[in-house]
């Protein structure tokens, strides 16, 4: 056996197992792990053929399943393994950066949807189960009362769940893409990266038509979730505008942290950013060239 031939594969398996250990025993790092988990697979695809990568992913899934249970083995295959495989191949095939970013977000959505479906039908794990278990932990002897209190929010969450998953997929996909490309470039690979977030914009006419249609038909669950997704894209454009002008004034890390804190912990701010995004779509506040109609 030529060790050098399998050196990269062994490193990738080791990295996946180490990240799983970090996620399993130190839950406070779970968000960090979620964002970097696909990177080993993305990296290996640039070095090896697809068959080798599939075998490595299966081995990693088997080890994770053996060490941490079948759910973790499942996550290895249809979770970050799938995302890393698609993102890595998109980069290797030299797709346009924007296309690669969109494909990554769509793959994250598919991955999360598959995990929810498989978890529900294979392990009996769904939102109702979460509510019941949480009620027993919080309520003790009065778990039924707690369950009744959580029931109303649960019905709302169930209705808008597809929209929430779509938003989660977009956010996760953005981070997966930019962190993976940053890592590959650090490894000396000449890879084009999509423009920085502060220069992002979305086509105003499709979003405007979609929002108007969604608001008129908001009682329909499909259009309700469409509204949630479109309003998030509007927020994202408003966020980009705010970051654009913030960085024109200062490059201070302290100000960046303060800005993020304000955005995520003061409820009126996201609404203001949505309005800002809508205004930017029609009046091009940043004077971005070739902003689409």
C-alpha atoms as a PDB file:
ATOM      1  CA  UNK A   1       0.000   0.000   0.000  1.00  0.00           C
ATOM      2  CA  UNK A   2       1.384   3.373  -1.028  1.00  0.00           C
ATOM      3  CA  UNK A   3       0.682   5.667   1.945  1.00  0.00           C
ATOM      4  CA  UNK A   4       1.356   8.842  -0.048  1.00  0.00           C
ATOM      5  CA  UNK A   5      -1.428   7.916  -2.468  1.00  0.00           C
ATOM      6  CA  UNK A   6      -3.971   7.880   0.355  1.00  0.00           C
ATOM      7  CA  UNK A   7      -2.453  10.645   2.497  1.00  0.00           C
ATOM      8  CA  UNK A   8      -5.036  13.296   1.553  1.00  0.00           C
ATOM      9  CA  UNK A   9      -7.911  10.856   2.024  1.00  0.00           C
ATOM     10  CA  UNK A  10      -6.713   9.914   5.509  1.00  0.00           C
ATOM     11  CA  UNK A  11      -6.305  13.591   6.427  1.00  0.00           C
ATOM     12  CA  UNK A  12      -9.857  14.343   5.284  1.00  0.00           C
ATOM     13  CA  UNK A  13     -11.346  11.432   7.263  1.00  0.00           C
ATOM     14  CA  UNK A  14      -9.390  12.547  10.330  1.00  0.00           C
ATOM     15  CA  UNK A  15     -10.568  16.152   9.904  1.00  0.00           C
ATOM     16  CA  UNK A  16     -14.211  15.051   9.624  1.00  0.00           C
ATOM     17  CA  UNK A  17     -13.945  12.885  12.743  1.00  0.00           C
ATOM     18  CA  UNK A  18     -12.232  15.678  14.702  1.00  0.00           C
ATOM     19  CA  UNK A  19     -14.920  18.187  13.694  1.00  0.00           C
ATOM     20  CA  UNK A  20     -17.591  15.663  14.744  1.00  0.00           C
ATOM     21  CA  UNK A  21     -15.902  15.197  18.121  1.00  0.00           C
ATOM     22  CA  UNK A  22     -15.808  18.978  18.562  1.00  0.00           C
ATOM     23  CA  UNK A  23     -19.504  19.227  17.674  1.00  0.00           C
ATOM     24  CA  UNK A  24     -20.471  16.294  19.908  1.00  0.00           C
ATOM     25  CA  UNK A  25     -18.567  17.129  23.081  1.00  0.00           C
ATOM     26  CA  UNK A  26     -18.427  20.945  22.825  1.00  0.00           C
ATOM     27  CA  UNK A  27     -21.871  22.049  21.600  1.00  0.00           C
ATOM     28  CA  UNK A  28     -20.923  25.731  21.933  1.00  0.00           C
ATOM     29  CA  UNK A  29     -18.806  25.219  18.784  1.00  0.00           C
ATOM     30  CA  UNK A  30     -21.648  23.604  16.810  1.00  0.00           C
ATOM     31  CA  UNK A  31     -22.267  26.714  14.693  1.00  0.00           C
ATOM     32  CA  UNK A  32     -18.578  26.931  13.779  1.00  0.00           C
ATOM     33  CA  UNK A  33     -18.526  23.225  12.896  1.00  0.00           C
ATOM     34  CA  UNK A  34     -21.657  23.588  10.750  1.00  0.00           C
ATOM     35  CA  UNK A  35     -19.977  26.277   8.663  1.00  0.00           C
ATOM     36  CA  UNK A  36     -16.641  24.476   8.102  1.00  0.00           C
ATOM     37  CA  UNK A  37     -17.723  20.821   7.998  1.00  0.00           C
ATOM     38  CA  UNK A  38     -17.941  20.615   4.156  1.00  0.00           C
ATOM     39  CA  UNK A  39     -14.422  22.046   3.653  1.00  0.00           C
ATOM     40  CA  UNK A  40     -12.495  18.717   3.887  1.00  0.00           C
ATOM     41  CA  UNK A  41     -14.716  17.197   1.179  1.00  0.00           C
ATOM     42  CA  UNK A  42     -14.464  20.337  -0.988  1.00  0.00           C
ATOM     43  CA  UNK A  43     -10.672  20.223  -0.691  1.00  0.00           C
ATOM     44  CA  UNK A  44     -10.388  16.499  -1.465  1.00  0.00           C
ATOM     45  CA  UNK A  45     -12.455  16.837  -4.650  1.00  0.00           C
ATOM     46  CA  UNK A  46      -9.862  19.256  -6.012  1.00  0.00           C
ATOM     47  CA  UNK A  47      -7.160  16.597  -5.442  1.00  0.00           C
ATOM     48  CA  UNK A  48      -8.897  13.296  -6.210  1.00  0.00           C
ATOM     49  CA  UNK A  49     -11.535  11.824  -8.507  1.00  0.00           C
ATOM     50  CA  UNK A  50     -15.208  11.592  -7.545  1.00  0.00           C
ATOM     51  CA  UNK A  51     -15.105   7.847  -6.808  1.00  0.00           C
ATOM     52  CA  UNK A  52     -12.348   8.302  -4.220  1.00  0.00           C
ATOM     53  CA  UNK A  53     -14.293  11.123  -2.563  1.00  0.00           C
ATOM     54  CA  UNK A  54     -17.460   9.001  -2.366  1.00  0.00           C
ATOM     55  CA  UNK A  55     -15.538   6.136  -0.736  1.00  0.00           C
ATOM     56  CA  UNK A  56     -13.930   8.540   1.769  1.00  0.00           C
ATOM     57  CA  UNK A  57     -17.347  10.005   2.637  1.00  0.00           C
ATOM     58  CA  UNK A  58     -18.818   6.529   3.186  1.00  0.00           C
ATOM     59  CA  UNK A  59     -15.903   5.539   5.427  1.00  0.00           C
ATOM     60  CA  UNK A  60     -16.271   8.768   7.436  1.00  0.00           C
ATOM     61  CA  UNK A  61     -20.030   8.166   7.713  1.00  0.00           C
ATOM     62  CA  UNK A  62     -19.467   4.613   8.946  1.00  0.00           C
ATOM     63  CA  UNK A  63     -16.961   5.782  11.581  1.00  0.00           C
ATOM     64  CA  UNK A  64     -19.229   8.626  12.710  1.00  0.00           C
ATOM     65  CA  UNK A  65     -22.189   6.261  12.870  1.00  0.00           C
ATOM     66  CA  UNK A  66     -20.185   3.732  14.886  1.00  0.00           C
ATOM     67  CA  UNK A  67     -18.751   6.320  17.303  1.00  0.00           C
ATOM     68  CA  UNK A  68     -21.649   8.760  17.665  1.00  0.00           C
ATOM     69  CA  UNK A  69     -24.783   6.964  16.494  1.00  0.00           C
ATOM     70  CA  UNK A  70     -26.720   6.510  13.236  1.00  0.00           C
ATOM     71  CA  UNK A  71     -27.928  10.142  13.101  1.00  0.00           C
ATOM     72  CA  UNK A  72     -24.357  11.407  12.855  1.00  0.00           C
ATOM     73  CA  UNK A  73     -23.620   8.864  10.151  1.00  0.00           C
ATOM     74  CA  UNK A  74     -26.670  10.139   8.282  1.00  0.00           C
ATOM     75  CA  UNK A  75     -25.529  13.760   8.633  1.00  0.00           C
ATOM     76  CA  UNK A  76     -22.136  12.801   7.215  1.00  0.00           C
ATOM     77  CA  UNK A  77     -23.677  11.497   3.994  1.00  0.00           C
ATOM     78  CA  UNK A  78     -26.704  13.699   3.233  1.00  0.00           C
ATOM     79  CA  UNK A  79     -25.592  16.622   5.378  1.00  0.00           C
ATOM     80  CA  UNK A  80     -22.200  18.232   4.969  1.00  0.00           C
ATOM     81  CA  UNK A  81     -20.989  15.366   2.767  1.00  0.00           C
ATOM     82  CA  UNK A  82     -23.543  16.184   0.068  1.00  0.00           C
ATOM     83  CA  UNK A  83     -22.923  19.929   0.359  1.00  0.00           C
ATOM     84  CA  UNK A  84     -19.155  19.488   0.182  1.00  0.00           C
ATOM     85  CA  UNK A  85     -19.421  17.140  -2.790  1.00  0.00           C
ATOM     86  CA  UNK A  86     -21.602  19.504  -4.843  1.00  0.00           C
ATOM     87  CA  UNK A  87     -19.687  22.662  -3.882  1.00  0.00           C
ATOM     88  CA  UNK A  88     -16.343  20.987  -4.556  1.00  0.00           C
ATOM     89  CA  UNK A  89     -17.424  19.763  -7.991  1.00  0.00           C
ATOM     90  CA  UNK A  90     -18.881  23.171  -8.889  1.00  0.00           C
ATOM     91  CA  UNK A  91     -15.502  24.733  -8.113  1.00  0.00           C
ATOM     92  CA  UNK A  92     -13.607  21.999  -9.936  1.00  0.00           C
ATOM     93  CA  UNK A  93     -15.795  22.361 -13.032  1.00  0.00           C
ATOM     94  CA  UNK A  94     -15.112  26.127 -12.905  1.00  0.00           C
ATOM     95  CA  UNK A  95     -18.731  27.202 -12.793  1.00  0.00           C
ATOM     96  CA  UNK A  96     -19.293  30.940 -12.503  1.00  0.00           C
ATOM     97  CA  UNK A  97     -18.900  32.128  -8.883  1.00  0.00           C
ATOM     98  CA  UNK A  98     -22.525  33.312  -8.674  1.00  0.00           C
ATOM     99  CA  UNK A  99     -23.765  29.995 -10.051  1.00  0.00           C
ATOM    100  CA  UNK A 100     -21.597  28.110  -7.556  1.00  0.00           C
ATOM    101  CA  UNK A 101     -22.996  30.188  -4.687  1.00  0.00           C
ATOM    102  CA  UNK A 102     -26.613  29.605  -5.782  1.00  0.00           C
ATOM    103  CA  UNK A 103     -26.017  25.875  -6.288  1.00  0.00           C
ATOM    104  CA  UNK A 104     -24.454  25.667  -2.818  1.00  0.00           C
ATOM    105  CA  UNK A 105     -27.473  27.316  -1.153  1.00  0.00           C
ATOM    106  CA  UNK A 106     -29.863  25.045  -3.083  1.00  0.00           C
ATOM    107  CA  UNK A 107     -27.857  21.969  -2.059  1.00  0.00           C
ATOM    108  CA  UNK A 108     -27.950  23.035   1.595  1.00  0.00           C
ATOM    109  CA  UNK A 109     -31.738  23.346   1.293  1.00  0.00           C
ATOM    110  CA  UNK A 110     -31.976  19.876  -0.275  1.00  0.00           C
ATOM    111  CA  UNK A 111     -29.665  18.496   2.418  1.00  0.00           C
ATOM    112  CA  UNK A 112     -31.699  19.965   5.280  1.00  0.00           C
ATOM    113  CA  UNK A 113     -34.981  18.806   3.721  1.00  0.00           C
ATOM    114  CA  UNK A 114     -33.640  15.259   3.269  1.00  0.00           C
ATOM    115  CA  UNK A 115     -32.399  15.131   6.861  1.00  0.00           C
ATOM    116  CA  UNK A 116     -35.796  16.262   8.154  1.00  0.00           C
ATOM    117  CA  UNK A 117     -37.651  13.711   6.024  1.00  0.00           C
ATOM    118  CA  UNK A 118     -35.342  10.825   6.922  1.00  0.00           C
ATOM    119  CA  UNK A 119     -35.293  11.819  10.619  1.00  0.00           C
ATOM    120  CA  UNK A 120     -39.082  11.859  10.701  1.00  0.00           C
ATOM    121  CA  UNK A 121     -39.742   8.556   8.944  1.00  0.00           C
ATOM    122  CA  UNK A 122     -36.679   6.633  10.104  1.00  0.00           C
ATOM    123  CA  UNK A 123     -36.228   7.922  13.656  1.00  0.00           C
ATOM    124  CA  UNK A 124     -39.681   9.417  14.392  1.00  0.00           C
ATOM    125  CA  UNK A 125     -38.132  12.830  15.065  1.00  0.00           C
ATOM    126  CA  UNK A 126     -40.297  15.880  14.285  1.00  0.00           C
ATOM    127  CA  UNK A 127     -41.475  19.206  15.735  1.00  0.00           C
ATOM    128  CA  UNK A 128     -44.168  17.548  17.858  1.00  0.00           C
ATOM    129  CA  UNK A 129     -41.548  15.315  19.430  1.00  0.00           C
ATOM    130  CA  UNK A 130     -39.415  18.346  20.259  1.00  0.00           C
ATOM    131  CA  UNK A 131     -42.374  20.082  21.935  1.00  0.00           C
ATOM    132  CA  UNK A 132     -43.269  17.032  24.029  1.00  0.00           C
ATOM    133  CA  UNK A 133     -39.699  16.439  25.190  1.00  0.00           C
ATOM    134  CA  UNK A 134     -39.213  20.151  25.963  1.00  0.00           C
ATOM    135  CA  UNK A 135     -42.499  20.217  27.893  1.00  0.00           C
ATOM    136  CA  UNK A 136     -41.441  17.274  30.049  1.00  0.00           C
ATOM    137  CA  UNK A 137     -38.102  18.902  30.831  1.00  0.00           C
ATOM    138  CA  UNK A 138     -39.578  22.331  31.621  1.00  0.00           C
ATOM    139  CA  UNK A 139     -42.912  21.412  33.155  1.00  0.00           C
ATOM    140  CA  UNK A 140     -42.197  18.272  35.129  1.00  0.00           C
ATOM    141  CA  UNK A 141     -45.590  17.323  36.564  1.00  0.00           C
ATOM    142  CA  UNK A 142     -47.337  20.115  34.599  1.00  0.00           C
ATOM    143  CA  UNK A 143     -45.884  19.102  31.235  1.00  0.00           C
ATOM    144  CA  UNK A 144     -49.358  19.149  29.616  1.00  0.00           C
ATOM    145  CA  UNK A 145     -49.815  22.817  30.504  1.00  0.00           C
ATOM    146  CA  UNK A 146     -46.413  23.697  29.017  1.00  0.00           C
ATOM    147  CA  UNK A 147     -47.225  21.649  25.927  1.00  0.00           C
ATOM    148  CA  UNK A 148     -50.494  23.572  25.488  1.00  0.00           C
ATOM    149  CA  UNK A 149     -48.620  26.879  25.764  1.00  0.00           C
ATOM    150  CA  UNK A 150     -46.119  25.784  23.131  1.00  0.00           C
ATOM    151  CA  UNK A 151     -48.822  24.379  20.870  1.00  0.00           C
ATOM    152  CA  UNK A 152     -49.929  27.713  19.375  1.00  0.00           C
ATOM    153  CA  UNK A 153     -46.414  28.880  18.390  1.00  0.00           C
ATOM    154  CA  UNK A 154     -45.765  25.377  17.052  1.00  0.00           C
ATOM    155  CA  UNK A 155     -48.714  25.600  14.649  1.00  0.00           C
ATOM    156  CA  UNK A 156     -47.365  28.895  13.304  1.00  0.00           C
ATOM    157  CA  UNK A 157     -43.828  27.529  13.001  1.00  0.00           C
ATOM    158  CA  UNK A 158     -45.173  24.485  11.161  1.00  0.00           C
ATOM    159  CA  UNK A 159     -46.872  26.740   8.596  1.00  0.00           C
ATOM    160  CA  UNK A 160     -43.790  28.865   7.902  1.00  0.00           C
ATOM    161  CA  UNK A 161     -41.249  26.059   8.330  1.00  0.00           C
ATOM    162  CA  UNK A 162     -40.367  25.776   4.591  1.00  0.00           C
ATOM    163  CA  UNK A 163     -39.610  29.513   4.495  1.00  0.00           C
ATOM    164  CA  UNK A 164     -37.466  29.264   7.628  1.00  0.00           C
ATOM    165  CA  UNK A 165     -35.552  26.322   6.159  1.00  0.00           C
ATOM    166  CA  UNK A 166     -34.990  28.300   2.943  1.00  0.00           C
ATOM    167  CA  UNK A 167     -33.590  31.252   4.913  1.00  0.00           C
ATOM    168  CA  UNK A 168     -31.402  28.955   7.003  1.00  0.00           C
ATOM    169  CA  UNK A 169     -30.133  27.284   3.813  1.00  0.00           C
ATOM    170  CA  UNK A 170     -29.249  30.618   2.199  1.00  0.00           C
ATOM    171  CA  UNK A 171     -27.328  31.805   5.267  1.00  0.00           C
ATOM    172  CA  UNK A 172     -25.514  28.485   5.722  1.00  0.00           C
ATOM    173  CA  UNK A 173     -24.786  28.198   1.993  1.00  0.00           C
ATOM    174  CA  UNK A 174     -23.287  31.703   1.887  1.00  0.00           C
ATOM    175  CA  UNK A 175     -20.925  30.925   4.754  1.00  0.00           C
ATOM    176  CA  UNK A 176     -20.073  27.459   3.370  1.00  0.00           C
ATOM    177  CA  UNK A 177     -19.204  28.993   0.002  1.00  0.00           C
ATOM    178  CA  UNK A 178     -17.083  31.916   1.180  1.00  0.00           C
ATOM    179  CA  UNK A 179     -15.220  29.951   3.875  1.00  0.00           C
ATOM    180  CA  UNK A 180     -14.493  27.048   1.488  1.00  0.00           C
ATOM    181  CA  UNK A 181     -13.227  29.365  -1.259  1.00  0.00           C
ATOM    182  CA  UNK A 182     -11.119  31.281   1.266  1.00  0.00           C
ATOM    183  CA  UNK A 183      -9.556  27.980   2.404  1.00  0.00           C
ATOM    184  CA  UNK A 184      -8.834  26.772  -1.125  1.00  0.00           C
ATOM    185  CA  UNK A 185      -7.221  30.109  -2.006  1.00  0.00           C
ATOM    186  CA  UNK A 186      -5.102  29.852   1.143  1.00  0.00           C
ATOM    187  CA  UNK A 187      -3.950  26.482  -0.186  1.00  0.00           C
ATOM    188  CA  UNK A 188      -2.648  28.230  -3.303  1.00  0.00           C
ATOM    189  CA  UNK A 189      -5.515  27.420  -5.666  1.00  0.00           C
ATOM    190  CA  UNK A 190      -6.374  30.151  -8.158  1.00  0.00           C
ATOM    191  CA  UNK A 191     -10.153  30.336  -7.732  1.00  0.00           C
ATOM    192  CA  UNK A 192     -12.397  33.280  -8.526  1.00  0.00           C
ATOM    193  CA  UNK A 193     -14.696  34.314  -5.689  1.00  0.00           C
ATOM    194  CA  UNK A 194     -18.075  36.009  -5.949  1.00  0.00           C
ATOM    195  CA  UNK A 195     -18.293  39.714  -5.074  1.00  0.00           C
ATOM    196  CA  UNK A 196     -18.372  40.834  -1.452  1.00  0.00           C
ATOM    197  CA  UNK A 197     -21.710  41.025   0.328  1.00  0.00           C
ATOM    198  CA  UNK A 198     -21.742  44.840   0.405  1.00  0.00           C
ATOM    199  CA  UNK A 199     -22.024  44.872  -3.411  1.00  0.00           C
ATOM    200  CA  UNK A 200     -24.904  42.385  -3.577  1.00  0.00           C
ATOM    201  CA  UNK A 201     -28.227  43.246  -5.184  1.00  0.00           C
ATOM    202  CA  UNK A 202     -31.293  41.350  -6.366  1.00  0.00           C
ATOM    203  CA  UNK A 203     -33.506  41.925  -9.450  1.00  0.00           C
ATOM    204  CA  UNK A 204     -36.225  44.358  -8.403  1.00  0.00           C
ATOM    205  CA  UNK A 205     -39.026  43.370 -10.799  1.00  0.00           C
ATOM    206  CA  UNK A 206     -39.242  39.632  -9.936  1.00  0.00           C
ATOM    207  CA  UNK A 207     -39.042  40.427  -6.218  1.00  0.00           C
ATOM    208  CA  UNK A 208     -41.629  43.235  -6.448  1.00  0.00           C
ATOM    209  CA  UNK A 209     -44.069  41.064  -8.443  1.00  0.00           C
ATOM    210  CA  UNK A 210     -43.471  38.148  -6.082  1.00  0.00           C
ATOM    211  CA  UNK A 211     -44.099  40.298  -2.981  1.00  0.00           C
ATOM    212  CA  UNK A 212     -47.301  41.834  -4.363  1.00  0.00           C
ATOM    213  CA  UNK A 213     -48.618  38.431  -5.422  1.00  0.00           C
ATOM    214  CA  UNK A 214     -47.628  36.896  -2.099  1.00  0.00           C
ATOM    215  CA  UNK A 215     -49.335  39.658  -0.094  1.00  0.00           C
ATOM    216  CA  UNK A 216     -52.541  39.323  -2.117  1.00  0.00           C
ATOM    217  CA  UNK A 217     -52.560  35.536  -1.613  1.00  0.00           C
ATOM    218  CA  UNK A 218     -50.995  35.436   1.856  1.00  0.00           C
ATOM    219  CA  UNK A 219     -53.683  33.067   3.175  1.00  0.00           C
ATOM    220  CA  UNK A 220     -52.218  30.405   0.896  1.00  0.00           C
ATOM    221  CA  UNK A 221     -49.382  28.609   2.707  1.00  0.00           C
ATOM    222  CA  UNK A 222     -47.209  28.506  -0.435  1.00  0.00           C
ATOM    223  CA  UNK A 223     -47.387  32.269  -0.948  1.00  0.00           C
ATOM    224  CA  UNK A 224     -46.967  32.858   2.786  1.00  0.00           C
ATOM    225  CA  UNK A 225     -43.620  31.051   2.645  1.00  0.00           C
ATOM    226  CA  UNK A 226     -42.749  32.843  -0.608  1.00  0.00           C
ATOM    227  CA  UNK A 227     -43.280  36.161   1.193  1.00  0.00           C
ATOM    228  CA  UNK A 228     -40.971  35.114   4.004  1.00  0.00           C
ATOM    229  CA  UNK A 229     -38.223  34.194   1.540  1.00  0.00           C
ATOM    230  CA  UNK A 230     -38.595  37.366  -0.568  1.00  0.00           C
ATOM    231  CA  UNK A 231     -38.666  39.659   2.473  1.00  0.00           C
ATOM    232  CA  UNK A 232     -35.449  37.989   3.621  1.00  0.00           C
ATOM    233  CA  UNK A 233     -33.806  38.755   0.257  1.00  0.00           C
ATOM    234  CA  UNK A 234     -34.962  42.380   0.601  1.00  0.00           C
ATOM    235  CA  UNK A 235     -33.469  42.429   4.115  1.00  0.00           C
ATOM    236  CA  UNK A 236     -30.236  40.995   2.722  1.00  0.00           C
ATOM    237  CA  UNK A 237     -29.994  43.812   0.186  1.00  0.00           C
ATOM    238  CA  UNK A 238     -30.683  46.396   2.897  1.00  0.00           C
ATOM    239  CA  UNK A 239     -28.023  44.743   5.047  1.00  0.00           C
ATOM    240  CA  UNK A 240     -25.585  44.996   2.129  1.00  0.00           C
ATOM    241  CA  UNK A 241     -26.359  48.719   1.762  1.00  0.00           C
ATOM    242  CA  UNK A 242     -25.763  49.320   5.479  1.00  0.00           C
ATOM    243  CA  UNK A 243     -22.462  47.400   5.378  1.00  0.00           C
ATOM    244  CA  UNK A 244     -21.421  49.333   2.250  1.00  0.00           C
ATOM    245  CA  UNK A 245     -21.801  52.699   3.960  1.00  0.00           C
ATOM    246  CA  UNK A 246     -20.419  51.449   7.284  1.00  0.00           C
ATOM    247  CA  UNK A 247     -17.184  50.326   5.598  1.00  0.00           C
ATOM    248  CA  UNK A 248     -16.951  53.637   3.749  1.00  0.00           C
ATOM    249  CA  UNK A 249     -16.806  55.362   7.133  1.00  0.00           C
ATOM    250  CA  UNK A 250     -14.687  52.944   9.153  1.00  0.00           C
ATOM    251  CA  UNK A 251     -12.903  49.599   9.015  1.00  0.00           C
ATOM    252  CA  UNK A 252     -12.962  49.157  12.795  1.00  0.00           C
ATOM    253  CA  UNK A 253     -13.722  45.608  13.983  1.00  0.00           C
ATOM    254  CA  UNK A 254     -15.423  47.057  17.061  1.00  0.00           C
ATOM    255  CA  UNK A 255     -17.905  48.985  14.888  1.00  0.00           C
ATOM    256  CA  UNK A 256     -18.599  45.875  12.797  1.00  0.00           C
ATOM    257  CA  UNK A 257     -19.391  43.840  15.918  1.00  0.00           C
ATOM    258  CA  UNK A 258     -21.565  46.653  17.282  1.00  0.00           C
ATOM    259  CA  UNK A 259     -23.457  46.822  13.964  1.00  0.00           C
ATOM    260  CA  UNK A 260     -24.148  43.066  13.961  1.00  0.00           C
ATOM    261  CA  UNK A 261     -25.269  43.226  17.590  1.00  0.00           C
ATOM    262  CA  UNK A 262     -27.727  46.018  16.781  1.00  0.00           C
ATOM    263  CA  UNK A 263     -29.094  44.196  13.731  1.00  0.00           C
ATOM    264  CA  UNK A 264     -29.746  40.911  15.526  1.00  0.00           C
ATOM    265  CA  UNK A 265     -30.855  42.159  18.955  1.00  0.00           C
ATOM    266  CA  UNK A 266     -32.972  45.233  18.175  1.00  0.00           C
ATOM    267  CA  UNK A 267     -36.199  44.106  16.411  1.00  0.00           C
ATOM    268  CA  UNK A 268     -36.938  47.414  14.581  1.00  0.00           C
ATOM    269  CA  UNK A 269     -33.558  47.366  12.797  1.00  0.00           C
ATOM    270  CA  UNK A 270     -34.279  44.415  10.416  1.00  0.00           C
ATOM    271  CA  UNK A 271     -37.511  46.175   9.367  1.00  0.00           C
ATOM    272  CA  UNK A 272     -35.559  49.368   8.676  1.00  0.00           C
ATOM    273  CA  UNK A 273     -33.075  47.350   6.616  1.00  0.00           C
ATOM    274  CA  UNK A 274     -35.938  45.830   4.600  1.00  0.00           C
ATOM    275  CA  UNK A 275     -37.175  49.313   3.756  1.00  0.00           C
ATOM    276  CA  UNK A 276     -33.613  50.315   2.890  1.00  0.00           C
ATOM    277  CA  UNK A 277     -33.326  47.273   0.630  1.00  0.00           C
ATOM    278  CA  UNK A 278     -36.526  48.124  -1.206  1.00  0.00           C
ATOM    279  CA  UNK A 279     -35.395  51.725  -1.713  1.00  0.00           C
ATOM    280  CA  UNK A 280     -32.001  50.549  -2.996  1.00  0.00           C
ATOM    281  CA  UNK A 281     -33.645  48.206  -5.493  1.00  0.00           C
ATOM    282  CA  UNK A 282     -35.389  51.144  -7.182  1.00  0.00           C
ATOM    283  CA  UNK A 283     -33.015  54.061  -6.569  1.00  0.00           C
ATOM    284  CA  UNK A 284     -29.595  52.320  -6.529  1.00  0.00           C
ATOM    285  CA  UNK A 285     -28.332  54.073  -3.379  1.00  0.00           C
ATOM    286  CA  UNK A 286     -24.838  52.601  -3.740  1.00  0.00           C
ATOM    287  CA  UNK A 287     -24.596  53.547  -7.429  1.00  0.00           C
ATOM    288  CA  UNK A 288     -23.863  49.918  -8.323  1.00  0.00           C
ATOM    289  CA  UNK A 289     -23.196  49.543 -12.025  1.00  0.00           C
ATOM    290  CA  UNK A 290     -25.405  47.231 -14.081  1.00  0.00           C
ATOM    291  CA  UNK A 291     -27.944  46.763 -11.305  1.00  0.00           C
ATOM    292  CA  UNK A 292     -30.652  44.569 -12.901  1.00  0.00           C
ATOM    293  CA  UNK A 293     -34.221  45.693 -13.485  1.00  0.00           C
END
